[in-house]
C-alpha atoms as a PDB file:
ATOM      1  CA  UNK A   1      10.791   4.331   3.998  1.00  0.00           C
ATOM      2  CA  UNK A   2       9.482   7.495   5.426  1.00  0.00           C
ATOM      3  CA  UNK A   3      11.523   9.289   7.474  1.00  0.00           C
ATOM      4  CA  UNK A   4       9.098  10.957   9.421  1.00  0.00           C
ATOM      5  CA  UNK A   5       8.129   7.476  11.270  1.00  0.00           C
ATOM      6  CA  UNK A   6      11.680   7.158  12.110  1.00  0.00           C
ATOM      7  CA  UNK A   7      13.410   5.649   9.078  1.00  0.00           C
ATOM      8  CA  UNK A   8      14.948   2.342   9.156  1.00  0.00           C
ATOM      9  CA  UNK A   9      16.535   2.887  12.611  1.00  0.00           C
ATOM     10  CA  UNK A  10      12.881   3.628  13.699  1.00  0.00           C
ATOM     11  CA  UNK A  11      11.533   0.760  12.585  1.00  0.00           C
ATOM     12  CA  UNK A  12      14.401  -1.539  14.008  1.00  0.00           C
ATOM     13  CA  UNK A  13      13.919   0.230  17.259  1.00  0.00           C
ATOM     14  CA  UNK A  14      10.257  -0.604  17.322  1.00  0.00           C
ATOM     15  CA  UNK A  15      10.806  -4.015  16.571  1.00  0.00           C
ATOM     16  CA  UNK A  16      13.344  -4.770  19.269  1.00  0.00           C
ATOM     17  CA  UNK A  17      11.278  -2.911  21.917  1.00  0.00           C
ATOM     18  CA  UNK A  18       8.134  -5.411  20.208  1.00  0.00           C
ATOM     19  CA  UNK A  19      10.208  -8.278  20.915  1.00  0.00           C
ATOM     20  CA  UNK A  20      11.427  -7.491  24.156  1.00  0.00           C
ATOM     21  CA  UNK A  21       7.640  -7.910  25.321  1.00  0.00           C
ATOM     22  CA  UNK A  22       6.917 -10.863  23.438  1.00  0.00           C
ATOM     23  CA  UNK A  23       5.061  -9.518  20.400  1.00  0.00           C
ATOM     24  CA  UNK A  24       5.907  -9.977  16.793  1.00  0.00           C
ATOM     25  CA  UNK A  25       4.975  -7.030  14.284  1.00  0.00           C
ATOM     26  CA  UNK A  26       3.172  -7.869  10.891  1.00  0.00           C
ATOM     27  CA  UNK A  27       3.878  -5.194   7.983  1.00  0.00           C
ATOM     28  CA  UNK A  28       1.289  -5.002   5.487  1.00  0.00           C
ATOM     29  CA  UNK A  29       2.580  -3.229   2.070  1.00  0.00           C
ATOM     30  CA  UNK A  30       0.114  -2.556  -0.677  1.00  0.00           C
ATOM     31  CA  UNK A  31       2.364  -1.140  -3.671  1.00  0.00           C
ATOM     32  CA  UNK A  32       0.235   1.131  -5.896  1.00  0.00           C
ATOM     33  CA  UNK A  33      -2.269   1.209  -3.942  1.00  0.00           C
ATOM     34  CA  UNK A  34      -4.099   4.880  -4.021  1.00  0.00           C
ATOM     35  CA  UNK A  35      -7.419   5.975  -2.739  1.00  0.00           C
ATOM     36  CA  UNK A  36     -10.215   7.163  -5.339  1.00  0.00           C
ATOM     37  CA  UNK A  37     -10.265  10.491  -3.981  1.00  0.00           C
ATOM     38  CA  UNK A  38      -6.416  10.783  -3.930  1.00  0.00           C
ATOM     39  CA  UNK A  39      -5.375  13.909  -5.920  1.00  0.00           C
ATOM     40  CA  UNK A  40      -3.129  11.882  -8.181  1.00  0.00           C
ATOM     41  CA  UNK A  41      -6.239   9.700  -9.409  1.00  0.00           C
ATOM     42  CA  UNK A  42      -7.373  12.548 -11.186  1.00  0.00           C
ATOM     43  CA  UNK A  43      -4.246  14.537 -11.938  1.00  0.00           C
ATOM     44  CA  UNK A  44      -2.323  11.473 -13.446  1.00  0.00           C
ATOM     45  CA  UNK A  45      -4.691   8.891 -14.845  1.00  0.00           C
ATOM     46  CA  UNK A  46      -2.098   7.392 -17.027  1.00  0.00           C
ATOM     47  CA  UNK A  47      -0.514   5.902 -13.749  1.00  0.00           C
ATOM     48  CA  UNK A  48      -3.608   3.600 -13.424  1.00  0.00           C
ATOM     49  CA  UNK A  49      -5.074   0.681 -14.993  1.00  0.00           C
ATOM     50  CA  UNK A  50      -8.244   2.238 -16.742  1.00  0.00           C
ATOM     51  CA  UNK A  51     -11.349  -0.041 -16.748  1.00  0.00           C
ATOM     52  CA  UNK A  52     -15.105  -0.047 -16.315  1.00  0.00           C
ATOM     53  CA  UNK A  53     -17.769  -1.988 -14.379  1.00  0.00           C
ATOM     54  CA  UNK A  54     -18.223  -4.343 -17.793  1.00  0.00           C
ATOM     55  CA  UNK A  55     -14.611  -4.965 -17.958  1.00  0.00           C
ATOM     56  CA  UNK A  56     -14.717  -6.084 -14.075  1.00  0.00           C
ATOM     57  CA  UNK A  57     -17.506  -8.198 -14.999  1.00  0.00           C
ATOM     58  CA  UNK A  58     -15.980  -9.922 -18.087  1.00  0.00           C
ATOM     59  CA  UNK A  59     -12.905 -10.610 -16.428  1.00  0.00           C
ATOM     60  CA  UNK A  60     -13.379 -10.432 -12.408  1.00  0.00           C
ATOM     61  CA  UNK A  61      -9.552 -11.431 -12.011  1.00  0.00           C
ATOM     62  CA  UNK A  62      -8.001  -8.816 -14.674  1.00  0.00           C
ATOM     63  CA  UNK A  63      -7.429  -6.248 -12.141  1.00  0.00           C
ATOM     64  CA  UNK A  64      -5.261  -8.507  -9.700  1.00  0.00           C
ATOM     65  CA  UNK A  65      -2.529  -9.645 -12.348  1.00  0.00           C
END
């Protein structure tokens, strides 16, 4: 957890404050998600699954496995 956002203690405090107000928190974590224009995309292509539009058309579910 990013310490710039308060780390685990900051998350616990935020959750406590929300709970006191009757609000629940949903955290959505998307691992390995990087925008196409992120510097790592060009600098480290080996970090990513490579494919073409034809690959996607031939096996639409392949990128989600």
